[in-house]
Amino acid sequence: MQFKFLNKTFKNKRFDFSPMHYDARKERLDLKKSQFESLNREDLTEEERRKILRQNMSESWNRGSNVEKQRSSANLRVFLLIILIVILGYFIFNGLDDVDVVVKKIM
């Protein structure tokens, strides 16, 4: 008499998983291509044209706000670097003996 549960060999479980990758940039590019092709065919209704115009305007406004954020953060970094260079230059020209005095005045 043979017992199956004693003879059973375990096998690795196999999964059939195919990961999905979403590329938002590629989706926007495909949408732009289809909009451009439909504009060239000139078979759009007035409502579709308005929808495309609204999308283009919102994208341009979003780009502008991103550029403004980047520009303001870059200006802040430059300002802080200039302040640091001025402070270091002050201590180099006046000597490092004044560091203790300046630190005590600040504190």
PDB file of N, CA and C in Angstrom:
ATOM      1  N   MET A   1       0.823  -1.159   0.000  1.00  0.00           N
ATOM      2  CA  MET A   1       0.000   0.000   0.000  1.00  0.00           C
ATOM      3  C   MET A   1       0.886   1.248   0.000  1.00  0.00           C
ATOM      4  N   GLN A   2       0.530   2.169  -0.869  1.00  0.00           N
ATOM      5  CA  GLN A   2       1.361   3.354  -1.043  1.00  0.00           C
ATOM      6  C   GLN A   2       0.594   4.598  -0.599  1.00  0.00           C
ATOM      7  N   PHE A   3       1.264   5.415   0.212  1.00  0.00           N
ATOM      8  CA  PHE A   3       0.632   6.651   0.683  1.00  0.00           C
ATOM      9  C   PHE A   3       1.102   7.815  -0.180  1.00  0.00           C
ATOM     10  N   LYS A   4       0.149   8.484  -0.797  1.00  0.00           N
ATOM     11  CA  LYS A   4       0.506   9.583  -1.708  1.00  0.00           C
ATOM     12  C   LYS A   4       1.072  10.782  -0.955  1.00  0.00           C
ATOM     13  N   PHE A   5       0.598  11.041   0.222  1.00  0.00           N
ATOM     14  CA  PHE A   5       1.069  12.231   0.929  1.00  0.00           C
ATOM     15  C   PHE A   5       2.513  12.091   1.397  1.00  0.00           C
ATOM     16  N   LEU A   6       3.019  10.880   1.488  1.00  0.00           N
ATOM     17  CA  LEU A   6       4.416  10.694   1.868  1.00  0.00           C
ATOM     18  C   LEU A   6       5.344  10.816   0.663  1.00  0.00           C
ATOM     19  N   ASN A   7       4.828  10.546  -0.488  1.00  0.00           N
ATOM     20  CA  ASN A   7       5.617  10.547  -1.710  1.00  0.00           C
ATOM     21  C   ASN A   7       5.586  11.868  -2.476  1.00  0.00           C
ATOM     22  N   LYS A   8       4.747  12.765  -2.045  1.00  0.00           N
ATOM     23  CA  LYS A   8       4.521  13.981  -2.823  1.00  0.00           C
ATOM     24  C   LYS A   8       5.740  14.910  -2.771  1.00  0.00           C
ATOM     25  N   THR A   9       6.202  15.358  -3.919  1.00  0.00           N
ATOM     26  CA  THR A   9       7.296  16.330  -3.985  1.00  0.00           C
ATOM     27  C   THR A   9       6.691  17.711  -4.231  1.00  0.00           C
ATOM     28  N   PHE A  10       7.209  18.677  -3.528  1.00  0.00           N
ATOM     29  CA  PHE A  10       6.693  20.025  -3.650  1.00  0.00           C
ATOM     30  C   PHE A  10       7.369  20.736  -4.812  1.00  0.00           C
ATOM     31  N   LYS A  11       6.575  21.447  -5.558  1.00  0.00           N
ATOM     32  CA  LYS A  11       7.091  22.199  -6.699  1.00  0.00           C
ATOM     33  C   LYS A  11       6.918  23.694  -6.415  1.00  0.00           C
ATOM     34  N   ASN A  12       7.757  24.475  -7.054  1.00  0.00           N
ATOM     35  CA  ASN A  12       7.646  25.919  -6.908  1.00  0.00           C
ATOM     36  C   ASN A  12       6.354  26.409  -7.547  1.00  0.00           C
ATOM     37  N   LYS A  13       5.743  27.367  -6.894  1.00  0.00           N
ATOM     38  CA  LYS A  13       4.545  27.958  -7.471  1.00  0.00           C
ATOM     39  C   LYS A  13       4.955  28.933  -8.558  1.00  0.00           C
ATOM     40  N   ARG A  14       4.246  28.897  -9.629  1.00  0.00           N
ATOM     41  CA  ARG A  14       4.533  29.797 -10.743  1.00  0.00           C
ATOM     42  C   ARG A  14       3.367  30.751 -10.916  1.00  0.00           C
ATOM     43  N   PHE A  15       3.729  31.998 -11.095  1.00  0.00           N
ATOM     44  CA  PHE A  15       2.714  33.020 -11.280  1.00  0.00           C
ATOM     45  C   PHE A  15       2.866  33.606 -12.665  1.00  0.00           C
ATOM     46  N   ASP A  16       1.745  33.835 -13.284  1.00  0.00           N
ATOM     47  CA  ASP A  16       1.757  34.468 -14.598  1.00  0.00           C
ATOM     48  C   ASP A  16       1.395  35.935 -14.398  1.00  0.00           C
ATOM     49  N   PHE A  17       2.396  36.729 -14.055  1.00  0.00           N
ATOM     50  CA  PHE A  17       2.191  38.142 -13.764  1.00  0.00           C
ATOM     51  C   PHE A  17       2.951  38.974 -14.777  1.00  0.00           C
ATOM     52  N   SER A  18       2.226  39.763 -15.508  1.00  0.00           N
ATOM     53  CA  SER A  18       2.887  40.680 -16.442  1.00  0.00           C
ATOM     54  C   SER A  18       2.664  42.098 -15.933  1.00  0.00           C
ATOM     55  N   PRO A  19       3.718  42.778 -15.483  1.00  0.00           N
ATOM     56  CA  PRO A  19       3.549  44.110 -14.899  1.00  0.00           C
ATOM     57  C   PRO A  19       3.125  45.117 -15.961  1.00  0.00           C
ATOM     58  N   MET A  20       2.273  46.024 -15.531  1.00  0.00           N
ATOM     59  CA  MET A  20       1.808  47.080 -16.426  1.00  0.00           C
ATOM     60  C   MET A  20       2.552  48.360 -16.080  1.00  0.00           C
ATOM     61  N   HIS A  21       2.966  49.070 -17.101  1.00  0.00           N
ATOM     62  CA  HIS A  21       3.680  50.327 -16.894  1.00  0.00           C
ATOM     63  C   HIS A  21       2.870  51.440 -17.539  1.00  0.00           C
ATOM     64  N   TYR A  22       2.548  52.441 -16.759  1.00  0.00           N
ATOM     65  CA  TYR A  22       1.800  53.576 -17.267  1.00  0.00           C
ATOM     66  C   TYR A  22       2.751  54.743 -17.467  1.00  0.00           C
ATOM     67  N   ASP A  23       2.795  55.232 -18.675  1.00  0.00           N
ATOM     68  CA  ASP A  23       3.654  56.363 -18.998  1.00  0.00           C
ATOM     69  C   ASP A  23       2.762  57.554 -19.348  1.00  0.00           C
ATOM     70  N   ALA A  24       2.635  58.471 -18.410  1.00  0.00           N
ATOM     71  CA  ALA A  24       1.749  59.623 -18.610  1.00  0.00           C
ATOM     72  C   ALA A  24       2.231  60.497 -19.761  1.00  0.00           C
ATOM     73  N   ARG A  25       3.545  60.622 -19.897  1.00  0.00           N
ATOM     74  CA  ARG A  25       4.099  61.448 -20.974  1.00  0.00           C
ATOM     75  C   ARG A  25       3.742  60.865 -22.346  1.00  0.00           C
ATOM     76  N   LYS A  26       3.827  59.547 -22.457  1.00  0.00           N
ATOM     77  CA  LYS A  26       3.489  58.891 -23.721  1.00  0.00           C
ATOM     78  C   LYS A  26       2.001  59.042 -24.022  1.00  0.00           C
ATOM     79  N   GLU A  27       1.155  58.957 -22.994  1.00  0.00           N
ATOM     80  CA  GLU A  27      -0.279  59.138 -23.195  1.00  0.00           C
ATOM     81  C   GLU A  27      -0.585  60.551 -23.690  1.00  0.00           C
ATOM     82  N   ARG A  28       0.053  61.559 -23.088  1.00  0.00           N
ATOM     83  CA  ARG A  28      -0.154  62.935 -23.540  1.00  0.00           C
ATOM     84  C   ARG A  28       0.312  63.121 -24.975  1.00  0.00           C
ATOM     85  N   LEU A  29       1.453  62.506 -25.308  1.00  0.00           N
ATOM     86  CA  LEU A  29       1.986  62.627 -26.666  1.00  0.00           C
ATOM     87  C   LEU A  29       1.038  61.989 -27.678  1.00  0.00           C
ATOM     88  N   ASP A  30       0.497  60.815 -27.350  1.00  0.00           N
ATOM     89  CA  ASP A  30      -0.455  60.164 -28.253  1.00  0.00           C
ATOM     90  C   ASP A  30      -1.722  60.997 -28.425  1.00  0.00           C
ATOM     91  N   LEU A  31      -2.180  61.611 -27.323  1.00  0.00           N
ATOM     92  CA  LEU A  31      -3.362  62.465 -27.401  1.00  0.00           C
ATOM     93  C   LEU A  31      -3.092  63.668 -28.297  1.00  0.00           C
ATOM     94  N   LYS A  32      -1.902  64.273 -28.150  1.00  0.00           N
ATOM     95  CA  LYS A  32      -1.546  65.421 -28.988  1.00  0.00           C
ATOM     96  C   LYS A  32      -1.481  65.031 -30.471  1.00  0.00           C
ATOM     97  N   LYS A  33      -0.916  63.848 -30.731  1.00  0.00           N
ATOM     98  CA  LYS A  33      -0.833  63.391 -32.130  1.00  0.00           C
ATOM     99  C   LYS A  33      -2.217  63.211 -32.730  1.00  0.00           C
ATOM    100  N   SER A  34      -3.103  62.585 -31.980  1.00  0.00           N
ATOM    101  CA  SER A  34      -4.452  62.360 -32.508  1.00  0.00           C
ATOM    102  C   SER A  34      -5.182  63.685 -32.700  1.00  0.00           C
ATOM    103  N   GLN A  35      -4.988  64.644 -31.777  1.00  0.00           N
ATOM    104  CA  GLN A  35      -5.614  65.956 -31.924  1.00  0.00           C
ATOM    105  C   GLN A  35      -5.070  66.679 -33.153  1.00  0.00           C
ATOM    106  N   PHE A  36      -3.775  66.598 -33.362  1.00  0.00           N
ATOM    107  CA  PHE A  36      -3.172  67.265 -34.515  1.00  0.00           C
ATOM    108  C   PHE A  36      -3.680  66.665 -35.817  1.00  0.00           C
ATOM    109  N   GLU A  37      -3.787  65.322 -35.858  1.00  0.00           N
ATOM    110  CA  GLU A  37      -4.289  64.672 -37.072  1.00  0.00           C
ATOM    111  C   GLU A  37      -5.744  65.043 -37.340  1.00  0.00           C
ATOM    112  N   SER A  38      -6.540  65.126 -36.280  1.00  0.00           N
ATOM    113  CA  SER A  38      -7.945  65.492 -36.474  1.00  0.00           C
ATOM    114  C   SER A  38      -8.070  66.960 -36.889  1.00  0.00           C
ATOM    115  N   LEU A  39      -7.174  67.821 -36.411  1.00  0.00           N
ATOM    116  CA  LEU A  39      -7.201  69.215 -36.844  1.00  0.00           C
ATOM    117  C   LEU A  39      -6.843  69.333 -38.319  1.00  0.00           C
ATOM    118  N   ASN A  40      -5.927  68.496 -38.772  1.00  0.00           N
ATOM    119  CA  ASN A  40      -5.548  68.526 -40.186  1.00  0.00           C
ATOM    120  C   ASN A  40      -6.679  68.027 -41.073  1.00  0.00           C
ATOM    121  N   ARG A  41      -7.474  67.091 -40.586  1.00  0.00           N
ATOM    122  CA  ARG A  41      -8.590  66.572 -41.387  1.00  0.00           C
ATOM    123  C   ARG A  41      -9.760  67.551 -41.414  1.00  0.00           C
ATOM    124  N   GLU A  42      -9.807  68.429 -40.432  1.00  0.00           N
ATOM    125  CA  GLU A  42     -10.854  69.451 -40.328  1.00  0.00           C
ATOM    126  C   GLU A  42     -12.254  68.852 -40.230  1.00  0.00           C
ATOM    127  N   ASP A  43     -12.376  67.741 -39.522  1.00  0.00           N
ATOM    128  CA  ASP A  43     -13.699  67.138 -39.339  1.00  0.00           C
ATOM    129  C   ASP A  43     -14.167  67.245 -37.890  1.00  0.00           C
ATOM    130  N   LEU A  44     -13.623  68.221 -37.168  1.00  0.00           N
ATOM    131  CA  LEU A  44     -13.994  68.410 -35.769  1.00  0.00           C
ATOM    132  C   LEU A  44     -15.218  69.310 -35.646  1.00  0.00           C
ATOM    133  N   THR A  45     -15.989  69.022 -34.632  1.00  0.00           N
ATOM    134  CA  THR A  45     -17.110  69.914 -34.344  1.00  0.00           C
ATOM    135  C   THR A  45     -16.590  71.091 -33.532  1.00  0.00           C
ATOM    136  N   GLU A  46     -17.441  72.069 -33.355  1.00  0.00           N
ATOM    137  CA  GLU A  46     -17.045  73.260 -32.609  1.00  0.00           C
ATOM    138  C   GLU A  46     -16.743  72.912 -31.146  1.00  0.00           C
ATOM    139  N   GLU A  47     -17.509  71.999 -30.594  1.00  0.00           N
ATOM    140  CA  GLU A  47     -17.293  71.597 -29.198  1.00  0.00           C
ATOM    141  C   GLU A  47     -15.958  70.878 -29.027  1.00  0.00           C
ATOM    142  N   GLU A  48     -15.577  70.039 -29.978  1.00  0.00           N
ATOM    143  CA  GLU A  48     -14.283  69.349 -29.911  1.00  0.00           C
ATOM    144  C   GLU A  48     -13.127  70.339 -30.023  1.00  0.00           C
ATOM    145  N   ARG A  49     -13.279  71.331 -30.876  1.00  0.00           N
ATOM    146  CA  ARG A  49     -12.243  72.356 -31.010  1.00  0.00           C
ATOM    147  C   ARG A  49     -12.083  73.136 -29.696  1.00  0.00           C
ATOM    148  N   ARG A  50     -13.195  73.447 -29.046  1.00  0.00           N
ATOM    149  CA  ARG A  50     -13.129  74.161 -27.772  1.00  0.00           C
ATOM    150  C   ARG A  50     -12.444  73.299 -26.706  1.00  0.00           C
ATOM    151  N   LYS A  51     -12.740  72.016 -26.720  1.00  0.00           N
ATOM    152  CA  LYS A  51     -12.133  71.112 -25.750  1.00  0.00           C
ATOM    153  C   LYS A  51     -10.615  71.066 -25.929  1.00  0.00           C
ATOM    154  N   ILE A  52     -10.166  70.982 -27.171  1.00  0.00           N
ATOM    155  CA  ILE A  52      -8.728  70.962 -27.464  1.00  0.00           C
ATOM    156  C   ILE A  52      -8.093  72.285 -27.038  1.00  0.00           C
ATOM    157  N   LEU A  53      -8.762  73.392 -27.316  1.00  0.00           N
ATOM    158  CA  LEU A  53      -8.240  74.703 -26.928  1.00  0.00           C
ATOM    159  C   LEU A  53      -8.121  74.812 -25.412  1.00  0.00           C
ATOM    160  N   ARG A  54      -9.121  74.332 -24.672  1.00  0.00           N
ATOM    161  CA  ARG A  54      -9.066  74.373 -23.205  1.00  0.00           C
ATOM    162  C   ARG A  54      -7.911  73.528 -22.671  1.00  0.00           C
ATOM    163  N   GLN A  55      -7.711  72.355 -23.250  1.00  0.00           N
ATOM    164  CA  GLN A  55      -6.601  71.497 -22.811  1.00  0.00           C
ATOM    165  C   GLN A  55      -5.259  72.172 -23.055  1.00  0.00           C
ATOM    166  N   ASN A  56      -5.107  72.767 -24.225  1.00  0.00           N
ATOM    167  CA  ASN A  56      -3.851  73.443 -24.548  1.00  0.00           C
ATOM    168  C   ASN A  56      -3.606  74.626 -23.611  1.00  0.00           C
ATOM    169  N   MET A  57      -4.649  75.379 -23.295  1.00  0.00           N
ATOM    170  CA  MET A  57      -4.497  76.517 -22.401  1.00  0.00           C
ATOM    171  C   MET A  57      -4.140  76.065 -20.991  1.00  0.00           C
ATOM    172  N   SER A  58      -4.791  75.018 -20.500  1.00  0.00           N
ATOM    173  CA  SER A  58      -4.490  74.558 -19.142  1.00  0.00           C
ATOM    174  C   SER A  58      -3.070  74.011 -19.062  1.00  0.00           C
ATOM    175  N   GLU A  59      -2.609  73.321 -20.098  1.00  0.00           N
ATOM    176  CA  GLU A  59      -1.230  72.823 -20.106  1.00  0.00           C
ATOM    177  C   GLU A  59      -0.226  73.964 -20.120  1.00  0.00           C
ATOM    178  N   SER A  60      -0.498  74.997 -20.897  1.00  0.00           N
ATOM    179  CA  SER A  60       0.439  76.118 -20.950  1.00  0.00           C
ATOM    180  C   SER A  60       0.462  76.858 -19.620  1.00  0.00           C
ATOM    181  N   TRP A  61      -0.689  76.987 -18.953  1.00  0.00           N
ATOM    182  CA  TRP A  61      -0.710  77.636 -17.644  1.00  0.00           C
ATOM    183  C   TRP A  61       0.033  76.800 -16.614  1.00  0.00           C
ATOM    184  N   ASN A  62      -0.121  75.494 -16.665  1.00  0.00           N
ATOM    185  CA  ASN A  62       0.589  74.627 -15.722  1.00  0.00           C
ATOM    186  C   ASN A  62       2.094  74.707 -15.936  1.00  0.00           C
ATOM    187  N   ARG A  63       2.511  74.749 -17.184  1.00  0.00           N
ATOM    188  CA  ARG A  63       3.940  74.882 -17.469  1.00  0.00           C
ATOM    189  C   ARG A  63       4.475  76.183 -16.918  1.00  0.00           C
ATOM    190  N   GLY A  64       3.697  77.250 -17.037  1.00  0.00           N
ATOM    191  CA  GLY A  64       4.128  78.553 -16.536  1.00  0.00           C
ATOM    192  C   GLY A  64       4.305  78.553 -15.033  1.00  0.00           C
ATOM    193  N   SER A  65       3.414  77.886 -14.324  1.00  0.00           N
ATOM    194  CA  SER A  65       3.531  77.855 -12.867  1.00  0.00           C
ATOM    195  C   SER A  65       4.744  77.029 -12.442  1.00  0.00           C
ATOM    196  N   ASN A  66       5.024  75.950 -13.157  1.00  0.00           N
ATOM    197  CA  ASN A  66       6.207  75.155 -12.837  1.00  0.00           C
ATOM    198  C   ASN A  66       7.483  75.946 -13.072  1.00  0.00           C
ATOM    199  N   VAL A  67       7.514  76.704 -14.144  1.00  0.00           N
ATOM    200  CA  VAL A  67       8.690  77.517 -14.451  1.00  0.00           C
ATOM    201  C   VAL A  67       8.879  78.578 -13.381  1.00  0.00           C
ATOM    202  N   GLU A  68       7.781  79.179 -12.921  1.00  0.00           N
ATOM    203  CA  GLU A  68       7.876  80.193 -11.876  1.00  0.00           C
ATOM    204  C   GLU A  68       8.404  79.603 -10.573  1.00  0.00           C
ATOM    205  N   LYS A  69       7.964  78.408 -10.209  1.00  0.00           N
ATOM    206  CA  LYS A  69       8.451  77.759  -8.992  1.00  0.00           C
ATOM    207  C   LYS A  69       9.946  77.469  -9.099  1.00  0.00           C
ATOM    208  N   GLN A  70      10.365  76.972 -10.240  1.00  0.00           N
ATOM    209  CA  GLN A  70      11.782  76.674 -10.437  1.00  0.00           C
ATOM    210  C   GLN A  70      12.613  77.951 -10.412  1.00  0.00           C
ATOM    211  N   ARG A  71      12.108  78.994 -11.024  1.00  0.00           N
ATOM    212  CA  ARG A  71      12.841  80.250 -11.082  1.00  0.00           C
ATOM    213  C   ARG A  71      12.978  80.860  -9.688  1.00  0.00           C
ATOM    214  N   SER A  72      11.918  80.823  -8.906  1.00  0.00           N
ATOM    215  CA  SER A  72      11.991  81.418  -7.567  1.00  0.00           C
ATOM    216  C   SER A  72      12.927  80.619  -6.661  1.00  0.00           C
ATOM    217  N   SER A  73      12.910  79.302  -6.761  1.00  0.00           N
ATOM    218  CA  SER A  73      13.829  78.507  -5.936  1.00  0.00           C
ATOM    219  C   SER A  73      15.279  78.720  -6.381  1.00  0.00           C
ATOM    220  N   ALA A  74      15.508  78.876  -7.669  1.00  0.00           N
ATOM    221  CA  ALA A  74      16.865  79.146  -8.152  1.00  0.00           C
ATOM    222  C   ALA A  74      17.336  80.516  -7.679  1.00  0.00           C
ATOM    223  N   ASN A  75      16.452  81.507  -7.700  1.00  0.00           N
ATOM    224  CA  ASN A  75      16.818  82.846  -7.218  1.00  0.00           C
ATOM    225  C   ASN A  75      17.156  82.823  -5.727  1.00  0.00           C
ATOM    226  N   LEU A  76      16.410  82.048  -4.964  1.00  0.00           N
ATOM    227  CA  LEU A  76      16.684  81.943  -3.532  1.00  0.00           C
ATOM    228  C   LEU A  76      18.047  81.308  -3.276  1.00  0.00           C
ATOM    229  N   ARG A  77      18.379  80.268  -4.017  1.00  0.00           N
ATOM    230  CA  ARG A  77      19.693  79.631  -3.864  1.00  0.00           C
ATOM    231  C   ARG A  77      20.817  80.599  -4.206  1.00  0.00           C
ATOM    232  N   VAL A  78      20.660  81.348  -5.288  1.00  0.00           N
ATOM    233  CA  VAL A  78      21.686  82.317  -5.685  1.00  0.00           C
ATOM    234  C   VAL A  78      21.840  83.391  -4.615  1.00  0.00           C
ATOM    235  N   PHE A  79      20.731  83.864  -4.070  1.00  0.00           N
ATOM    236  CA  PHE A  79      20.764  84.875  -3.023  1.00  0.00           C
ATOM    237  C   PHE A  79      21.500  84.362  -1.786  1.00  0.00           C
ATOM    238  N   LEU A  80      21.217  83.135  -1.367  1.00  0.00           N
ATOM    239  CA  LEU A  80      21.895  82.559  -0.206  1.00  0.00           C
ATOM    240  C   LEU A  80      23.387  82.357  -0.459  1.00  0.00           C
ATOM    241  N   LEU A  81      23.745  81.957  -1.657  1.00  0.00           N
ATOM    242  CA  LEU A  81      25.171  81.796  -1.989  1.00  0.00           C
ATOM    243  C   LEU A  81      25.897  83.137  -1.973  1.00  0.00           C
ATOM    244  N   ILE A  82      25.253  84.179  -2.476  1.00  0.00           N
ATOM    245  CA  ILE A  82      25.880  85.501  -2.463  1.00  0.00           C
ATOM    246  C   ILE A  82      26.093  85.963  -1.027  1.00  0.00           C
ATOM    247  N   ILE A  83      25.096  85.756  -0.173  1.00  0.00           N
ATOM    248  CA  ILE A  83      25.241  86.134   1.242  1.00  0.00           C
ATOM    249  C   ILE A  83      26.391  85.367   1.879  1.00  0.00           C
ATOM    250  N   LEU A  84      26.487  84.088   1.620  1.00  0.00           N
ATOM    251  CA  LEU A  84      27.561  83.268   2.169  1.00  0.00           C
ATOM    252  C   LEU A  84      28.931  83.749   1.699  1.00  0.00           C
ATOM    253  N   ILE A  85      29.040  84.068   0.420  1.00  0.00           N
ATOM    254  CA  ILE A  85      30.318  84.548  -0.130  1.00  0.00           C
ATOM    255  C   ILE A  85      30.691  85.894   0.483  1.00  0.00           C
ATOM    256  N   VAL A  86      29.719  86.777   0.675  1.00  0.00           N
ATOM    257  CA  VAL A  86      29.998  88.079   1.280  1.00  0.00           C
ATOM    258  C   VAL A  86      30.476  87.905   2.716  1.00  0.00           C
ATOM    259  N   ILE A  87      29.834  87.027   3.470  1.00  0.00           N
ATOM    260  CA  ILE A  87      30.244  86.790   4.860  1.00  0.00           C
ATOM    261  C   ILE A  87      31.650  86.206   4.917  1.00  0.00           C
ATOM    262  N   LEU A  88      31.923  85.218   4.068  1.00  0.00           N
ATOM    263  CA  LEU A  88      33.267  84.635   4.043  1.00  0.00           C
ATOM    264  C   LEU A  88      34.314  85.668   3.622  1.00  0.00           C
ATOM    265  N   GLY A  89      33.983  86.508   2.653  1.00  0.00           N
ATOM    266  CA  GLY A  89      34.900  87.564   2.229  1.00  0.00           C
ATOM    267  C   GLY A  89      35.174  88.556   3.341  1.00  0.00           C
ATOM    268  N   TYR A  90      34.138  88.899   4.118  1.00  0.00           N
ATOM    269  CA  TYR A  90      34.322  89.806   5.253  1.00  0.00           C
ATOM    270  C   TYR A  90      35.316  89.236   6.251  1.00  0.00           C
ATOM    271  N   PHE A  91      35.157  87.950   6.578  1.00  0.00           N
ATOM    272  CA  PHE A  91      36.054  87.336   7.547  1.00  0.00           C
ATOM    273  C   PHE A  91      37.468  87.160   6.995  1.00  0.00           C
ATOM    274  N   ILE A  92      37.594  86.918   5.714  1.00  0.00           N
ATOM    275  CA  ILE A  92      38.932  86.770   5.126  1.00  0.00           C
ATOM    276  C   ILE A  92      39.672  88.107   5.144  1.00  0.00           C
ATOM    277  N   PHE A  93      38.987  89.188   4.786  1.00  0.00           N
ATOM    278  CA  PHE A  93      39.655  90.486   4.728  1.00  0.00           C
ATOM    279  C   PHE A  93      39.879  91.095   6.114  1.00  0.00           C
ATOM    280  N   ASN A  94      39.019  90.833   7.068  1.00  0.00           N
ATOM    281  CA  ASN A  94      39.157  91.414   8.407  1.00  0.00           C
ATOM    282  C   ASN A  94      39.847  90.476   9.382  1.00  0.00           C
ATOM    283  N   GLY A  95      40.161  89.301   8.955  1.00  0.00           N
ATOM    284  CA  GLY A  95      40.839  88.356   9.832  1.00  0.00           C
ATOM    285  C   GLY A  95      39.844  87.464  10.561  1.00  0.00           C
ATOM    286  N   LEU A  96      40.315  86.324  10.945  1.00  0.00           N
ATOM    287  CA  LEU A  96      39.462  85.357  11.614  1.00  0.00           C
ATOM    288  C   LEU A  96      39.320  85.637  13.107  1.00  0.00           C
ATOM    289  N   ASP A  97      40.038  86.623  13.637  1.00  0.00           N
ATOM    290  CA  ASP A  97      39.913  86.962  15.045  1.00  0.00           C
ATOM    291  C   ASP A  97      38.544  87.560  15.366  1.00  0.00           C
ATOM    292  N   ASP A  98      37.924  88.205  14.392  1.00  0.00           N
ATOM    293  CA  ASP A  98      36.635  88.859  14.613  1.00  0.00           C
ATOM    294  C   ASP A  98      35.459  87.881  14.573  1.00  0.00           C
ATOM    295  N   VAL A  99      35.686  86.631  14.285  1.00  0.00           N
ATOM    296  CA  VAL A  99      34.609  85.651  14.183  1.00  0.00           C
ATOM    297  C   VAL A  99      33.897  85.511  15.513  1.00  0.00           C
ATOM    298  N   ASP A 100      34.665  85.410  16.610  1.00  0.00           N
ATOM    299  CA  ASP A 100      34.067  85.257  17.938  1.00  0.00           C
ATOM    300  C   ASP A 100      33.209  86.472  18.290  1.00  0.00           C
ATOM    301  N   VAL A 101      33.682  87.641  17.959  1.00  0.00           N
ATOM    302  CA  VAL A 101      32.952  88.873  18.287  1.00  0.00           C
ATOM    303  C   VAL A 101      31.641  88.918  17.521  1.00  0.00           C
ATOM    304  N   VAL A 102      31.677  88.609  16.243  1.00  0.00           N
ATOM    305  CA  VAL A 102      30.479  88.651  15.407  1.00  0.00           C
ATOM    306  C   VAL A 102      29.470  87.602  15.856  1.00  0.00           C
ATOM    307  N   VAL A 103      29.942  86.401  16.187  1.00  0.00           N
ATOM    308  CA  VAL A 103      29.052  85.337  16.636  1.00  0.00           C
ATOM    309  C   VAL A 103      28.387  85.726  17.948  1.00  0.00           C
ATOM    310  N   LYS A 104      29.137  86.319  18.847  1.00  0.00           N
ATOM    311  CA  LYS A 104      28.565  86.751  20.124  1.00  0.00           C
ATOM    312  C   LYS A 104      27.535  87.853  19.929  1.00  0.00           C
ATOM    313  N   LYS A 105      27.748  88.760  18.964  1.00  0.00           N
ATOM    314  CA  LYS A 105      26.782  89.818  18.684  1.00  0.00           C
ATOM    315  C   LYS A 105      25.500  89.246  18.097  1.00  0.00           C
ATOM    316  N   ILE A 106      25.625  88.225  17.247  1.00  0.00           N
ATOM    317  CA  ILE A 106      24.459  87.611  16.626  1.00  0.00           C
ATOM    318  C   ILE A 106      23.638  86.858  17.660  1.00  0.00           C
ATOM    319  N   MET A 107      24.308  86.160  18.561  1.00  0.00           N
ATOM    320  CA  MET A 107      23.611  85.372  19.575  1.00  0.00           C
ATOM    321  C   MET A 107      23.069  86.294  20.634  1.00  0.00           C
TER     322      MET A 107
END
